[in-house]
Protein backbone atom coordinates (compact mmCIF):
# COMPACT_ATOMS: atom_id res chain seq x y z
CA MET A 1 -45.84 6.24 -44.86
CA ALA A 2 -42.47 6.94 -46.50
CA ARG A 3 -42.30 6.67 -50.25
CA HIS A 4 -40.46 3.61 -51.60
CA SER A 5 -37.90 5.64 -53.55
CA ASP A 6 -37.04 7.69 -50.44
CA SER A 7 -36.42 4.66 -48.26
CA VAL A 8 -34.28 3.01 -50.94
CA ALA A 9 -32.20 6.13 -51.47
CA GLU A 10 -31.37 6.31 -47.77
CA ARG A 11 -30.78 2.58 -47.31
CA PRO A 12 -27.05 2.57 -48.21
CA ARG A 13 -26.43 5.17 -45.51
CA HIS A 14 -27.43 2.66 -42.84
CA GLY A 15 -24.90 0.06 -43.99
CA VAL A 16 -21.19 -0.02 -44.76
CA LEU A 17 -21.41 3.03 -47.01
CA GLY A 18 -22.98 5.23 -44.36
CA ARG A 19 -19.62 6.03 -42.79
CA TYR A 20 -18.24 7.41 -46.07
CA LEU A 21 -21.15 9.47 -47.42
CA LEU A 22 -21.64 13.13 -46.59
CA ASP A 23 -24.95 14.65 -45.54
CA GLY A 24 -26.86 15.65 -48.66
CA GLU A 25 -24.61 13.59 -50.96
CA ARG A 26 -26.78 12.07 -53.68
CA ILE A 27 -25.99 8.56 -54.87
CA LEU A 28 -25.96 7.91 -58.62
CA THR A 29 -24.98 4.26 -58.33
CA ALA A 30 -23.60 1.96 -55.64
CA VAL A 31 -22.54 -1.51 -56.76
CA HIS A 32 -20.37 -4.42 -55.84
CA GLN A 33 -17.90 -5.41 -58.50
CA HIS A 34 -19.15 -7.99 -61.00
CA TRP A 35 -19.55 -11.58 -59.84
CA ALA A 36 -17.04 -12.64 -62.51
CA LYS A 37 -14.33 -11.37 -60.15
CA VAL A 38 -14.93 -14.36 -57.86
CA ALA A 39 -15.73 -16.87 -60.61
CA GLU A 40 -12.15 -18.16 -60.78
CA PRO A 41 -11.80 -18.95 -57.03
CA ALA A 42 -15.17 -20.71 -57.03
CA ALA A 43 -14.31 -22.66 -60.18
CA SER A 44 -10.94 -23.63 -58.66
CA VAL A 45 -12.74 -25.23 -55.70
CA VAL A 46 -14.96 -27.31 -58.01
CA ALA A 47 -12.10 -28.31 -60.31
CA GLY A 48 -9.90 -29.12 -57.31
CA LEU A 49 -12.56 -31.37 -55.82
CA VAL A 50 -12.93 -33.30 -59.08
CA LEU A 51 -9.15 -33.69 -59.36
CA VAL A 52 -8.68 -34.81 -55.75
CA LEU A 53 -11.50 -37.34 -55.97
CA ALA A 54 -10.08 -38.76 -59.20
CA LEU A 55 -6.54 -39.05 -57.83
CA ASP A 56 -7.67 -40.38 -54.46
CA SER A 57 -9.53 -43.23 -56.11
CA TYR A 58 -6.44 -44.31 -58.10
CA LEU A 59 -3.74 -43.87 -55.48
CA PRO A 60 -2.67 -47.08 -53.71
CA ALA A 61 -3.06 -47.39 -49.96
CA THR A 62 0.70 -47.02 -49.49
CA LEU A 63 0.42 -43.43 -50.76
CA GLY A 64 -2.21 -42.42 -48.26
CA ILE A 65 -0.09 -39.47 -47.12
CA VAL A 66 -0.21 -38.07 -50.67
CA ALA A 67 -3.99 -38.33 -50.67
CA ASN A 68 -4.11 -36.47 -47.36
CA LEU A 69 -1.92 -33.70 -48.77
CA LEU A 70 -4.22 -33.40 -51.78
CA TRP A 71 -7.22 -32.98 -49.53
CA TRP A 72 -5.44 -30.36 -47.45
CA ALA A 73 -4.58 -28.52 -50.66
CA TRP A 74 -8.27 -28.56 -51.56
CA PHE A 75 -9.16 -27.11 -48.16
CA VAL A 76 -6.71 -24.29 -48.90
CA LEU A 77 -8.61 -23.62 -52.14
CA ILE A 78 -11.86 -23.45 -50.14
CA ALA A 79 -10.35 -20.98 -47.67
CA ARG A 80 -9.03 -18.86 -50.55
CA ALA A 81 -12.45 -18.81 -52.26
CA ILE A 82 -14.21 -17.81 -49.03
CA TRP A 83 -11.72 -15.00 -48.51
CA LYS A 84 -12.16 -13.71 -52.06
CA ILE A 85 -15.95 -13.80 -51.78
CA LEU A 86 -15.91 -11.95 -48.45
CA GLU A 87 -13.65 -9.31 -49.99
CA TRP A 88 -15.99 -9.02 -52.98
CA ARG A 89 -19.03 -8.58 -50.74
CA HIS A 90 -17.23 -5.87 -48.75
CA ASP A 91 -15.93 -3.84 -51.72
CA TRP A 92 -18.10 -1.07 -53.20
CA PHE A 93 -17.90 1.25 -56.18
CA VAL A 94 -20.00 4.35 -55.53
CA ALA A 95 -20.69 7.33 -57.76
CA THR A 96 -22.38 10.35 -56.18
CA ASP A 97 -23.15 13.84 -57.42
CA LYS A 98 -19.83 14.98 -55.88
CA ARG A 99 -17.27 12.20 -56.25
CA LEU A 100 -16.33 8.65 -57.19
CA ILE A 101 -15.54 6.29 -54.31
CA LEU A 102 -13.97 2.83 -54.23
CA THR A 103 -13.94 1.02 -50.88
CA TYR A 104 -11.90 -2.16 -50.54
CA GLY A 105 -9.97 -4.25 -48.04
CA LEU A 106 -11.46 -6.78 -45.64
CA ILE A 107 -9.08 -6.36 -42.69
CA THR A 108 -7.53 -3.01 -43.50
CA HIS A 109 -10.34 -0.84 -44.88
CA LYS A 110 -9.24 1.50 -47.65
CA VAL A 111 -11.15 4.23 -49.46
CA ALA A 112 -10.03 5.74 -52.77
CA MET A 113 -11.86 8.86 -53.91
CA MET A 114 -11.86 11.33 -56.79
CA PRO A 115 -14.04 14.46 -56.89
CA LEU A 116 -16.10 14.75 -60.06
CA VAL A 117 -14.79 18.27 -60.63
CA LYS A 118 -11.27 16.81 -60.90
CA VAL A 119 -12.16 14.28 -63.59
CA THR A 120 -10.71 15.49 -66.90
CA ASP A 121 -11.21 12.26 -68.81
CA MET A 122 -13.05 9.02 -68.14
CA SER A 123 -13.27 5.96 -70.32
CA TYR A 124 -14.02 2.31 -69.94
CA ASN A 125 -13.00 -0.75 -71.88
CA ARG A 126 -14.67 -4.11 -72.22
CA SER A 127 -12.96 -7.32 -73.20
CA LEU A 128 -14.82 -9.97 -75.17
CA LEU A 129 -15.61 -11.84 -71.96
CA GLY A 130 -16.65 -8.57 -70.33
CA ARG A 131 -19.08 -7.88 -73.16
CA ILE A 132 -20.57 -11.35 -72.79
CA LEU A 133 -20.90 -11.29 -68.99
CA GLY A 134 -21.63 -7.57 -68.64
CA TYR A 135 -18.70 -5.86 -66.94
CA GLY A 136 -16.01 -3.34 -67.83
CA THR A 137 -13.04 -1.37 -66.53
CA PHE A 138 -13.28 2.36 -65.82
CA VAL A 139 -10.19 4.55 -66.20
CA MET A 140 -10.23 8.07 -64.77
CA GLU A 141 -7.78 10.88 -65.48
CA SER A 142 -7.42 14.10 -63.53
CA ALA A 143 -5.38 17.28 -63.73
CA GLY A 144 -3.06 16.10 -60.95
CA GLN A 145 -0.39 13.46 -61.46
CA ASP A 146 -1.04 11.52 -58.24
CA GLN A 147 -4.47 9.91 -58.13
CA ALA A 148 -5.95 7.89 -55.30
CA LEU A 149 -8.50 6.48 -57.73
CA HIS A 150 -7.25 5.74 -61.23
CA SER A 151 -9.10 2.66 -62.42
CA VAL A 152 -11.97 0.46 -61.30
CA GLU A 153 -12.21 -3.06 -62.65
CA TRP A 154 -15.18 -5.43 -62.81
CA VAL A 155 -17.80 -2.64 -63.02
CA PRO A 156 -21.24 -4.20 -63.68
CA GLU A 157 -23.57 -2.58 -66.23
CA PRO A 158 -20.77 -0.26 -67.40
CA ASP A 159 -22.81 1.38 -70.16
CA GLN A 160 -25.47 2.65 -67.75
CA THR A 161 -22.93 3.61 -65.08
CA TYR A 162 -20.82 5.50 -67.61
CA ARG A 163 -23.82 7.44 -68.91
CA ALA A 164 -25.05 8.29 -65.41
CA ILE A 165 -21.64 9.66 -64.35
CA CYS A 166 -21.14 11.59 -67.59
CA ALA A 167 -24.63 13.09 -67.31
CA GLU A 168 -23.78 14.35 -63.83
CA ILE A 169 -20.39 15.73 -64.90
CA PHE A 170 -21.86 17.66 -67.83
CA GLY A 171 -25.08 18.58 -66.01
CA VAL A 172 -27.42 17.16 -68.64
CA ASP A 173 -30.48 14.93 -68.64
CA ASP A 174 -30.09 11.48 -70.12
CA GLU A 175 -33.32 9.55 -70.19
CA GLN A 176 -31.65 6.61 -71.92
CA ARG A 177 -29.13 5.82 -69.23
CA ALA A 178 -31.42 3.74 -67.00
CA PRO A 179 -31.37 -0.02 -67.71
CA ASP A 180 -34.09 -1.43 -69.97
CA GLY A 181 -34.84 2.07 -71.30
CA ARG A 182 -36.64 3.22 -68.16
CA HIS A 183 -37.03 6.94 -67.51
CA GLU A 184 -34.73 8.39 -64.85
CA SER A 185 -37.65 8.97 -62.51
CA GLN A 186 -37.91 5.20 -62.16
CA GLY A 187 -34.38 4.97 -60.80
CA LEU A 188 -31.10 3.30 -61.64
CA HIS A 189 -31.00 -0.44 -61.08
CA ALA A 190 -28.32 -1.08 -58.45
CA PRO A 191 -27.85 -3.40 -55.47
CA ASP A 192 -28.17 -2.05 -51.97
CA THR A 193 -25.98 -2.98 -49.02
CA THR A 194 -28.01 -6.13 -48.38
CA GLY A 195 -27.05 -7.52 -51.77
CA TYR A 196 -30.56 -7.30 -53.20
CA SER A 197 -31.45 -5.37 -56.30
CA THR A 198 -33.12 -2.02 -55.66
CA ALA A 199 -33.80 1.24 -57.45
CA ILE A 200 -31.74 4.29 -56.49
CA PRO A 201 -33.34 7.47 -57.85
CA ILE A 202 -31.19 9.72 -60.02
CA ARG A 203 -31.78 13.44 -60.33
CA ILE A 204 -29.50 15.33 -62.66
CA THR A 205 -31.34 18.62 -63.05
CA GLY A 206 -30.34 20.21 -59.75
CA GLN A 207 -33.32 18.97 -57.75
CA GLN A 208 -32.66 18.50 -54.06
CA PRO A 209 -32.87 14.88 -52.84
CA ASP A 210 -35.81 14.01 -50.59
CA ASP A 211 -34.96 13.71 -46.91
CA GLY A 212 -36.75 10.39 -46.57
CA ALA A 213 -39.29 11.82 -44.11
CA PRO A 214 -42.68 10.12 -43.93
CA ASP A 215 -45.48 11.61 -45.99
């Protein structure tokens, strides 16, 4: 029977990410952007519903066309929220032992990539709301002037992600980088392509990743 960590490590390759990952490429983290990215569209739908219901109850019957327009405007808000959520579920930020990848675009699929060897500086910033909700913005600099991947917003668990990437860049062990203080052998907490939370093993010391073959 295959070990749990092996099957989890290979799981992203069977989903959307499989088409972008190279054979032998080891995943450090693979996450959707933070749910706060779609909080505004969802909140707009709720607020719009409350507003339309309130206005509809006070408008006279002679202004029925206005009420209809208000409801159509609310349906537009619903369509916008659905679109934003589908985009959010499709987008991925992936860090491997070789590069950083950002996939985005629901109709036109786009992939931005930066090799780790090209990263000369990486930082992230967190606003007050980002510190409360748990997201940040990564900014990468490279030796070249033109960069396909310069910044990534709405990164969840930015502290752990930052430490994992830096540990790989500098080739050092960092037992503190896993969430909740877990040792690296227990894996980095990150969602898989199904949207559920799983553990993706991280090996920084030059060990070869398991091939996922059954024991």
